[in-house]
Protein backbone atom coordinates (compact mmCIF):
# COMPACT_ATOMS: atom_id res chain seq x y z
CA MET A 1 -5.78 -2.56 29.83
CA GLN A 2 -4.69 -5.11 32.46
CA GLY A 3 -6.32 -8.01 30.64
CA LEU A 4 -4.16 -7.34 27.57
CA ASN A 5 -1.07 -6.29 29.53
CA ALA A 6 -1.05 -3.27 27.25
CA ALA A 7 -2.01 0.41 27.17
CA PHE A 8 -3.36 3.03 24.80
CA ILE A 9 -1.02 6.00 24.35
CA ASP A 10 -2.41 9.48 23.67
CA LEU A 11 -0.57 10.77 20.58
CA GLY A 12 -2.62 13.93 20.21
CA GLY A 13 -4.44 12.64 17.12
CA ASP A 14 -7.76 10.99 16.34
CA LYS A 15 -6.56 7.51 17.29
CA GLU A 16 -4.55 6.40 20.29
CA GLY A 17 -1.42 4.33 19.85
CA PHE A 18 -1.44 0.73 21.09
CA MET A 19 1.51 -0.51 23.13
CA HIS A 20 1.98 -4.00 24.61
CA TYR A 21 4.40 -4.74 27.43
CA LEU A 22 6.74 -6.45 24.96
CA ASP A 23 6.86 -3.18 22.96
CA PHE A 24 8.69 -1.35 25.75
CA GLY A 25 11.98 -2.69 24.41
CA PRO A 26 14.94 -3.83 26.52
CA ALA A 27 16.30 -0.27 26.87
CA TYR A 28 13.07 1.26 28.22
CA ASN A 29 14.59 2.07 31.62
CA SER A 30 17.33 4.06 29.87
CA VAL A 31 14.80 5.75 27.55
CA ASN A 32 12.72 6.82 30.56
CA LYS A 33 15.80 8.19 32.33
CA TYR A 34 16.88 10.06 29.17
CA LEU A 35 13.39 11.57 28.81
CA LYS A 36 13.52 13.05 32.30
CA LEU A 37 17.00 14.49 31.69
CA ALA A 38 16.05 15.97 28.31
CA MET A 39 12.83 17.53 29.65
CA ASN A 40 14.87 19.16 32.43
CA GLY A 41 17.29 20.64 29.87
CA ASP A 42 20.32 18.48 30.74
CA LYS A 43 22.88 19.05 27.95
CA SER A 44 24.49 15.62 28.37
CA ALA A 45 21.32 14.00 26.99
CA ALA A 46 22.22 15.16 23.46
CA THR A 47 25.42 13.09 23.31
CA LEU A 48 24.88 10.45 26.04
CA SER A 49 28.60 10.78 26.70
CA ASN A 50 28.29 10.61 30.51
CA PHE A 51 25.05 8.67 30.50
CA LYS A 52 24.89 5.49 32.57
CA ILE A 53 22.82 2.86 30.78
CA GLU A 54 20.18 1.35 33.06
CA PRO A 55 19.60 -2.42 33.47
CA VAL A 56 17.65 -4.16 30.71
CA LEU A 57 13.88 -4.36 31.24
CA ALA A 58 12.67 -7.87 32.08
CA LYS A 59 11.05 -9.69 29.17
CA VAL A 60 8.22 -10.90 31.39
CA GLY A 61 6.33 -8.44 33.55
CA ASN A 62 3.20 -6.38 34.08
CA PHE A 63 2.54 -3.09 32.32
CA ASP A 64 1.29 -1.50 35.56
CA ASP A 65 4.65 -2.08 37.23
CA VAL A 66 6.45 -0.02 34.58
CA LEU A 67 4.04 2.71 33.49
CA LYS A 68 1.28 4.59 35.31
CA VAL A 69 -1.80 6.31 33.88
CA GLY A 70 -1.01 9.89 32.87
CA GLN A 71 2.77 9.37 32.84
CA PRO A 72 4.63 10.90 29.87
CA ILE A 73 6.48 8.36 27.74
CA LEU A 74 8.74 8.67 24.70
CA VAL A 75 7.48 6.32 21.96
CA GLN A 76 8.09 5.78 18.28
CA ILE A 77 5.37 4.76 15.81
CA SER A 78 6.32 1.32 14.49
CA LYS A 79 3.18 0.66 12.42
CA GLU A 80 0.85 3.15 10.81
CA PRO A 81 -2.90 2.93 11.48
CA ILE A 82 -4.53 0.18 9.41
CA SER A 83 -8.28 0.04 8.85
CA THR A 84 -9.96 0.57 12.22
CA LYS A 85 -6.76 -0.04 14.19
CA GLY A 86 -4.73 2.85 15.54
CA PRO A 87 -0.96 3.08 15.16
CA LYS A 88 1.25 0.64 17.02
CA VAL A 89 3.97 2.33 19.08
CA SER A 90 7.19 1.14 20.64
CA GLY A 91 9.51 2.34 23.38
CA ASP A 92 12.46 0.99 21.38
CA ILE A 93 13.80 4.20 19.82
CA SER A 94 15.90 4.19 16.63
CA LEU A 95 16.78 6.60 13.80
CA ALA A 96 17.27 5.27 10.26
CA GLY A 97 19.75 6.73 7.79
CA HIS A 98 20.79 5.69 4.30
CA TYR A 99 23.62 3.36 5.36
CA LEU A 100 23.15 3.07 9.13
CA VAL A 101 20.46 2.80 11.78
CA LEU A 102 21.23 4.53 15.08
CA GLU A 103 20.13 2.72 18.26
CA PRO A 104 20.60 4.80 21.43
CA PHE A 105 21.34 3.14 24.81
CA SER A 106 23.23 0.26 23.25
CA ASN A 107 26.83 -0.51 22.36
CA LYS A 108 26.17 -3.30 19.86
CA ILE A 109 27.05 -3.33 16.18
CA ASN A 110 24.91 -5.47 13.90
CA ILE A 111 25.40 -6.10 10.19
CA SER A 112 22.53 -6.76 7.76
CA GLN A 113 22.14 -10.50 7.16
CA LYS A 114 21.86 -9.80 3.43
CA ILE A 115 25.57 -8.91 3.42
CA ARG A 116 26.89 -12.46 3.25
CA LYS A 117 30.62 -12.17 2.56
CA LYS A 118 32.50 -12.62 5.82
CA GLU A 119 35.35 -10.32 4.72
CA GLU A 120 32.92 -7.47 3.99
CA ARG A 121 31.05 -7.99 7.25
CA ASP A 122 34.32 -7.86 9.20
CA ARG A 123 35.46 -4.75 7.31
CA LEU A 124 32.21 -2.89 7.98
CA LYS A 125 32.26 -3.87 11.64
CA ARG A 126 35.80 -2.49 12.03
CA LEU A 127 34.90 0.78 10.28
CA VAL A 128 31.75 1.34 12.31
CA GLN A 129 33.54 0.49 15.54
CA SER A 130 36.03 3.26 14.83
CA ILE A 131 33.36 5.95 14.44
CA ARG A 132 30.61 4.73 16.82
CA PRO A 133 29.71 7.24 19.57
CA GLN A 134 29.58 6.00 23.14
CA ASN A 135 26.21 4.54 24.25
CA PHE A 136 24.93 4.35 20.69
CA GLY A 137 24.45 1.03 18.91
CA ILE A 138 24.52 0.82 15.11
CA ILE A 139 22.88 -1.43 12.53
CA VAL A 140 24.66 -1.48 9.18
CA ARG A 141 22.14 -1.61 6.32
CA THR A 142 22.52 -3.68 3.15
CA VAL A 143 23.26 -0.64 0.94
CA ALA A 144 26.38 0.05 3.02
CA GLU A 145 28.17 -2.86 1.33
CA GLY A 146 31.39 -1.59 -0.27
CA ARG A 147 31.08 1.94 1.18
CA SER A 148 34.01 3.88 2.59
CA VAL A 149 34.40 5.04 6.17
CA ALA A 150 33.90 8.65 5.05
CA GLU A 151 30.46 7.85 3.59
CA LEU A 152 29.44 5.96 6.72
CA ASP A 153 30.72 8.75 8.95
CA THR A 154 28.71 11.38 7.02
CA ASP A 155 25.54 9.32 7.44
CA LEU A 156 26.26 8.84 11.15
CA HIS A 157 26.89 12.57 11.62
CA GLN A 158 23.46 13.36 10.11
CA LEU A 159 21.77 10.86 12.43
CA MET A 160 23.50 12.37 15.48
CA ASN A 161 22.30 15.83 14.41
CA ARG A 162 18.74 14.53 14.27
CA TRP A 163 19.14 13.03 17.75
CA SER A 164 20.40 16.37 19.08
CA ASP A 165 17.50 18.25 17.47
CA MET A 166 15.03 15.86 19.10
CA THR A 167 16.70 16.30 22.49
CA GLU A 168 16.45 20.06 22.13
CA LYS A 169 12.70 19.85 21.42
CA LEU A 170 12.14 17.80 24.57
CA LYS A 171 13.08 20.73 26.83
CA HIS A 172 10.02 21.65 28.90
CA VAL A 173 7.73 20.02 26.32
CA ASN A 174 4.02 19.51 27.02
CA SER A 175 2.75 16.08 26.02
CA PRO A 176 1.38 14.85 23.73
CA THR A 177 3.77 16.45 21.25
CA LYS A 178 5.62 15.17 18.20
CA VAL A 179 9.32 15.77 18.87
CA HIS A 180 10.76 14.08 15.79
CA ALA A 181 9.36 13.22 12.37
CA GLU A 182 10.64 10.80 9.80
CA LEU A 183 12.12 12.27 6.64
CA ASP A 184 9.69 13.62 4.07
CA THR A 185 8.24 10.99 1.75
CA THR A 186 10.66 11.69 -1.10
CA SER A 187 13.80 11.44 1.05
CA ALA A 188 12.48 8.35 2.85
CA VAL A 189 11.82 6.54 -0.44
CA LEU A 190 15.25 7.46 -1.78
CA ARG A 191 16.88 6.39 1.46
CA ASP A 192 15.27 2.94 1.30
CA ILE A 193 15.60 2.10 -2.41
CA LEU A 194 18.46 4.16 -3.86
CA THR A 195 21.37 2.01 -5.09
CA ASP A 196 24.21 2.36 -7.57
CA ASP A 197 21.98 0.73 -10.21
CA PHE A 198 19.95 3.96 -10.63
CA ASN A 199 20.95 5.90 -13.75
CA SER A 200 18.03 8.37 -14.03
CA ILE A 201 15.45 9.93 -11.73
CA TYR A 202 12.89 12.16 -13.48
CA VAL A 203 10.96 14.82 -11.54
CA ASP A 204 8.26 17.02 -13.10
CA ASP A 205 8.01 19.57 -10.26
CA GLU A 206 10.78 22.16 -9.97
CA ALA A 207 10.64 22.48 -6.17
CA LEU A 208 10.66 18.70 -5.76
CA TYR A 209 13.44 18.43 -8.34
CA ASN A 210 15.69 20.66 -6.25
CA GLU A 211 14.70 18.74 -3.11
CA VAL A 212 15.60 15.40 -4.69
CA ARG A 213 18.96 16.74 -5.90
CA GLN A 214 19.79 17.87 -2.38
CA ALA A 215 18.75 14.51 -0.95
CA ILE A 216 20.89 12.62 -3.49
CA LYS A 217 23.80 14.96 -2.82
CA ARG A 218 23.64 14.11 0.89
CA MET A 219 23.37 10.36 0.32
CA GLN A 220 25.55 9.82 -2.75
CA PRO A 221 27.40 13.04 -3.74
CA ASP A 222 28.66 11.54 -7.00
CA SER A 223 25.14 10.67 -8.18
CA GLU A 224 23.58 14.13 -8.15
CA ASP A 225 23.51 14.37 -11.96
CA ILE A 226 21.17 11.37 -12.36
CA VAL A 227 18.28 13.64 -11.26
CA LYS A 228 16.64 15.19 -14.32
CA HIS A 229 13.92 17.85 -14.54
CA TYR A 230 11.07 16.58 -16.74
CA LYS A 231 9.64 19.45 -18.84
CA LEU A 232 7.64 17.80 -21.64
CA ASN A 233 3.95 18.62 -22.10
CA THR A 234 2.95 14.95 -21.91
CA PRO A 235 2.17 14.01 -18.28
CA ILE A 236 5.14 12.21 -16.75
CA PHE A 237 3.12 9.12 -15.76
CA GLU A 238 1.79 8.82 -19.29
CA GLN A 239 5.22 9.37 -20.87
CA PHE A 240 6.82 6.51 -18.92
CA GLY A 241 3.80 4.19 -18.96
CA VAL A 242 3.17 4.40 -15.22
CA GLN A 243 -0.52 5.20 -15.68
CA ARG A 244 -0.99 2.10 -17.80
CA ASP A 245 0.89 -0.07 -15.33
CA ILE A 246 -1.20 1.18 -12.41
CA ARG A 247 -4.41 0.27 -14.20
CA ARG A 248 -3.02 -3.12 -15.17
CA MET A 249 -1.25 -4.03 -11.96
CA PHE A 250 -3.64 -2.94 -9.22
CA GLY A 251 -6.90 -4.53 -10.30
CA ARG A 252 -8.26 -7.72 -8.81
CA ILE A 253 -7.19 -9.66 -11.88
CA VAL A 254 -3.51 -9.59 -12.85
CA THR A 255 -2.73 -11.02 -16.27
CA ILE A 256 0.67 -12.51 -17.08
CA ARG A 257 1.95 -12.43 -20.68
CA SER A 258 1.78 -16.20 -21.16
CA GLY A 259 -1.98 -16.10 -20.57
CA VAL A 260 -1.83 -17.08 -16.90
CA TYR A 261 -3.73 -14.76 -14.58
CA LEU A 262 -4.00 -14.19 -10.82
CA TYR A 263 -7.13 -13.27 -8.91
CA ILE A 264 -6.24 -11.24 -5.80
CA GLU A 265 -8.81 -10.72 -3.07
CA HIS A 266 -8.25 -8.74 0.12
CA THR A 267 -10.28 -9.58 3.23
CA GLU A 268 -10.13 -8.21 6.76
CA ALA A 269 -8.16 -11.25 7.95
CA MET A 270 -5.86 -12.04 5.03
CA HIS A 271 -5.02 -11.72 1.34
CA VAL A 272 -6.07 -14.59 -0.94
CA ILE A 273 -4.47 -15.21 -4.35
CA ASP A 274 -5.86 -17.74 -6.82
CA VAL A 275 -3.67 -18.95 -9.68
CA ASN A 276 -5.43 -19.72 -12.99
CA SER A 277 -3.81 -21.20 -16.08
CA GLY A 278 -6.08 -19.16 -18.39
CA ASN A 279 -5.11 -19.65 -22.01
CA HIS A 280 -1.56 -20.80 -21.23
CA ILE A 281 -0.33 -22.42 -24.42
CA LYS A 282 3.30 -23.42 -23.75
CA ALA A 283 3.93 -26.97 -24.79
CA GLY A 284 4.79 -29.37 -22.01
CA SER A 285 5.19 -33.08 -21.51
CA GLY A 286 1.85 -33.33 -19.73
CA GLN A 287 -0.49 -31.88 -17.18
CA GLU A 288 2.08 -32.01 -14.37
CA ASP A 289 4.70 -30.17 -16.44
CA THR A 290 2.17 -27.52 -17.49
CA ALA A 291 1.09 -27.00 -13.87
CA LEU A 292 4.73 -26.52 -12.83
CA GLN A 293 5.34 -23.93 -15.59
CA VAL A 294 2.19 -22.01 -14.66
CA ASN A 295 3.00 -22.09 -10.93
CA ILE A 296 6.58 -20.90 -11.39
CA GLU A 297 5.48 -17.99 -13.61
CA SER A 298 2.76 -17.13 -11.10
CA GLY A 299 5.16 -17.37 -8.15
CA LYS A 300 7.49 -14.79 -9.68
CA GLU A 301 4.58 -12.41 -10.32
CA ILE A 302 3.15 -12.98 -6.83
CA ALA A 303 6.46 -12.01 -5.21
CA ARG A 304 6.40 -8.83 -7.32
CA GLN A 305 2.79 -8.08 -6.44
CA LEU A 306 3.51 -8.39 -2.71
CA ARG A 307 6.13 -5.67 -3.05
CA LEU A 308 4.09 -3.48 -5.41
CA ARG A 309 0.97 -3.49 -3.26
CA ASP A 310 2.89 -3.72 0.02
CA MET A 311 0.62 -6.57 1.04
CA GLY A 312 1.18 -7.59 4.66
CA GLY A 313 -0.15 -10.01 7.23
CA ILE A 314 -1.24 -13.46 6.10
CA VAL A 315 -1.23 -14.29 2.37
CA ILE A 316 -2.73 -17.57 1.13
CA VAL A 317 -1.86 -18.64 -2.44
CA ASP A 318 -3.88 -21.35 -4.16
CA PHE A 319 -1.49 -22.78 -6.74
CA ILE A 320 -2.49 -25.36 -9.38
CA ASP A 321 -2.24 -28.86 -7.89
CA MET A 322 0.94 -30.85 -8.57
CA ASP A 323 1.39 -34.51 -7.68
CA LYS A 324 5.19 -34.83 -7.72
CA ALA A 325 7.02 -33.88 -4.53
CA GLU A 326 10.08 -32.64 -6.46
CA ASN A 327 7.92 -30.16 -8.39
CA ARG A 328 6.37 -28.85 -5.17
CA LYS A 329 9.86 -28.43 -3.74
CA LYS A 330 11.00 -26.66 -6.91
CA LEU A 331 8.14 -24.15 -6.63
CA PHE A 332 8.95 -23.54 -2.96
CA ASP A 333 12.61 -22.84 -3.85
CA VAL A 334 11.54 -20.39 -6.59
CA MET A 335 9.32 -18.48 -4.15
CA GLN A 336 12.11 -18.26 -1.59
CA GLU A 337 14.55 -16.97 -4.20
CA GLU A 338 12.11 -14.37 -5.56
CA MET A 339 11.17 -13.16 -2.07
CA ARG A 340 14.83 -12.52 -1.20
CA ARG A 341 14.49 -9.18 -2.99
CA ASP A 342 11.75 -8.17 -0.54
CA LYS A 343 13.03 -5.89 2.22
CA ALA A 344 10.04 -6.60 4.47
CA ARG A 345 10.40 -9.49 6.91
CA HIS A 346 8.56 -12.54 5.65
CA THR A 347 8.11 -16.27 6.16
CA ILE A 348 7.15 -18.82 3.49
CA LEU A 349 5.82 -22.30 4.24
CA PRO A 350 5.98 -25.22 1.79
CA LEU A 351 2.86 -26.21 -0.13
CA SER A 352 0.22 -27.96 1.94
CA LYS A 353 -1.44 -31.16 0.74
CA PHE A 354 -4.25 -28.99 -0.62
CA GLY A 355 -1.83 -27.04 -2.85
CA LEU A 356 -1.94 -23.92 -0.66
CA MET A 357 1.14 -21.85 0.19
CA GLN A 358 1.07 -19.74 3.34
CA ILE A 359 3.11 -16.53 3.45
CA THR A 360 3.39 -14.02 6.26
CA ARG A 361 4.83 -10.63 5.44
CA GLN A 362 5.60 -7.71 7.70
CA ARG A 363 2.69 -5.30 7.72
CA VAL A 364 3.86 -1.74 8.41
CA ARG A 365 1.50 0.28 6.24
CA PRO A 366 -1.90 -0.38 4.70
CA ALA A 367 -1.70 -2.39 1.48
CA MET A 368 -1.87 -0.38 -1.73
CA ASP A 369 -5.42 -0.68 -3.00
CA VAL A 370 -5.93 1.32 -6.18
CA ASP A 371 -9.55 0.84 -7.19
CA VAL A 372 -9.64 0.50 -10.97
CA GLN A 373 -13.24 -0.71 -11.09
CA GLU A 374 -16.53 0.97 -10.28
CA LYS A 375 -20.04 -0.27 -9.63
CA CYS A 376 -22.15 -0.57 -12.78
CA PRO A 377 -24.75 2.24 -12.73
CA MET A 378 -27.20 0.03 -14.63
CA CYS A 379 -27.23 -3.06 -12.42
CA ASP A 380 -25.79 -1.53 -9.20
CA GLY A 381 -23.13 -4.24 -9.16
CA THR A 382 -25.59 -7.16 -9.18
CA GLY A 383 -24.87 -8.24 -12.76
CA HIS A 384 -28.59 -8.19 -13.57
CA ILE A 385 -30.76 -5.54 -15.22
CA LYS A 386 -34.47 -5.37 -15.92
CA GLN A 387 -35.68 -7.11 -19.05
CA SER A 388 -36.56 -4.86 -21.98
CA LEU A 389 -40.20 -5.93 -21.62
CA VAL A 390 -40.29 -4.61 -18.07
CA VAL A 391 -38.85 -1.26 -19.22
CA VAL A 392 -41.46 -1.05 -21.98
CA ASP A 393 -44.18 -1.75 -19.43
CA GLU A 394 -42.90 1.13 -17.28
CA ILE A 395 -42.90 3.47 -20.29
CA GLU A 396 -46.46 2.50 -21.15
CA ALA A 397 -47.59 2.99 -17.53
CA SER A 398 -46.09 6.49 -17.55
CA LEU A 399 -47.72 7.26 -20.89
CA ARG A 400 -51.11 6.05 -19.61
CA HIS A 401 -50.77 8.28 -16.55
CA LEU A 402 -49.92 11.38 -18.63
CA VAL A 403 -52.84 10.85 -21.02
CA THR A 404 -55.57 9.82 -18.58
CA THR A 405 -54.62 11.94 -15.58
CA GLN A 406 -52.90 14.98 -17.06
CA HIS A 407 -54.78 14.86 -20.39
CA GLU A 408 -51.63 15.28 -22.49
CA LYS A 409 -52.31 15.05 -26.26
CA HIS A 410 -48.90 15.72 -27.81
CA LEU A 411 -45.88 14.01 -26.22
CA ILE A 412 -42.23 13.36 -27.03
CA LEU A 413 -40.58 10.18 -25.65
CA VAL A 414 -36.76 10.10 -25.45
CA THR A 415 -35.05 6.72 -24.86
CA HIS A 416 -31.76 4.90 -25.32
CA PRO A 417 -31.12 3.94 -28.99
CA TYR A 418 -31.70 0.22 -28.24
CA ILE A 419 -35.13 0.88 -26.73
CA PHE A 420 -35.88 3.38 -29.51
CA ALA A 421 -35.27 0.71 -32.13
CA TYR A 422 -37.43 -1.77 -30.21
CA LEU A 423 -40.36 0.68 -29.95
CA THR A 424 -40.30 1.96 -33.56
CA LYS A 425 -39.52 -1.18 -35.55
CA GLY A 426 -42.12 -1.55 -38.35
CA TRP A 427 -43.77 1.87 -38.23
CA LEU A 428 -47.47 0.99 -38.62
CA LYS A 429 -47.06 -2.18 -36.56
CA SER A 430 -44.64 -0.71 -34.05
CA ILE A 431 -45.30 -0.58 -30.32
CA ALA A 432 -45.24 3.24 -30.42
CA HIS A 433 -47.93 3.31 -33.11
CA LYS A 434 -50.12 0.87 -31.14
CA TRP A 435 -49.86 3.17 -28.09
CA MET A 436 -51.02 6.16 -30.14
CA ARG A 437 -54.11 4.26 -31.31
CA ARG A 438 -54.79 2.85 -27.85
CA TYR A 439 -54.53 6.13 -25.93
CA HIS A 440 -55.69 8.53 -28.70
CA THR A 441 -52.59 10.71 -28.45
CA HIS A 442 -49.77 11.87 -30.70
CA LEU A 443 -46.42 10.35 -29.60
CA LYS A 444 -43.05 11.16 -31.14
CA VAL A 445 -40.17 8.83 -30.16
CA GLN A 446 -36.58 10.12 -30.18
CA GLN A 447 -33.24 8.54 -29.24
CA ASN A 448 -30.41 9.87 -27.06
CA GLU A 449 -27.12 7.99 -26.63
CA GLN A 450 -26.40 9.80 -23.35
CA LEU A 451 -29.33 8.10 -21.63
CA GLY A 452 -28.82 4.82 -19.84
CA LEU A 453 -30.31 1.66 -21.26
CA LEU A 454 -33.23 1.76 -18.79
CA GLU A 455 -33.72 5.53 -18.75
CA PHE A 456 -36.50 7.40 -20.57
CA LYS A 457 -37.98 10.91 -20.51
CA PHE A 458 -41.30 12.46 -21.57
CA SER A 459 -41.55 16.06 -22.71
CA HIS A 460 -44.15 18.42 -24.18
CA SER A 461 -44.18 19.16 -27.90
CA ASN A 462 -42.23 22.37 -27.21
CA GLY A 463 -39.39 20.33 -25.66
CA ASP A 464 -40.08 21.08 -21.97
CA GLU A 465 -39.41 17.96 -19.92
CA ILE A 466 -42.31 16.55 -17.90
CA GLN A 467 -41.36 15.70 -14.32
CA MET A 468 -42.85 12.33 -13.40
């Protein structure tokens, strides 16, 4: 696609991957050279020991000058498909471990910015420098803080084994083919969130229990015993309240204990969050103070919701208006502090003059959208149903048809209890009794709680339902 300076990459699936020129990555020339060597079975490709790194790809250029139609290319999926969009792919190859991220065709060492102590950053850089293979760059992840060289070396050894396995698969491969897959979901989650703070991990499936124990043993050998096999009859989600939390946390309306509630709406372009004070009853010195309290409580919950739902892209938050600049600054500081726990890249802008806060958050996967509501079968989601009088008119029209056209003399009418009460109130003066006199027929009215409010059925005296 020359107009976009991009291309669609055939991944062998239903949707093609999208790749812009900027997604090639600076080491693309080296990646392309490595691919040719690996496909020809060159053993040196597994270690890159004698590999000469090619010049960095220019930041500005045309896609056509680098890649031709039909040419095989080694890419890594950087973003999963979202909505109608296919996956986004990159030529910048990396392998993530628990403590380290391996970056081939580089000799740089980078330390996570969340490790702030200079002494620790220097220590980690020295340790990694001593074990780093030639032509492999390394990113030290936040969880590596305080770890020994032996733990880092074990993680690096596992990453190098994965690189070697991928190189082996590239021999005489026919594209499109998947040559390396991320860890299974369980191991990937543990890799990204496991810290020393964990004291228990419960698993209700025996096979998965053994898998988790092995994964923990590889990552943190001393923590293997925190994995416990859950064997109670009560479902594990119900036992630990997860089911309740899912229902409460993933609806459109999120209620906070103080009475404040959030209304979260997802559109194609962005997420919109509206803050409402609800029945907030904390005493304050005035409207401004109350607005600040509500906004701070909401800000903490919003930061949590962004992580829970993995909401990405543009997020607009409509906070309650505050007049004082210091209060607006205080809310901004709270949001920045709460969002520090978020591992996804994000940017927060101060409140606009309309009281709106703009947040952008890295979108890698589709946002979690657990539908805890369903369309009302009575009103079809409109919020309006037919009046009882209209329903009664329909029943009478059906009765008239059965008597005059089909010459029915003995009928049973089954309705919802509310309609039953309306039709039979005051026996001799009831609507049902008037119908019997008007149409010269015997009508017996019965009630059934399983029928909808607007549903009714006619049947013969023997109980056989009459199809209308």
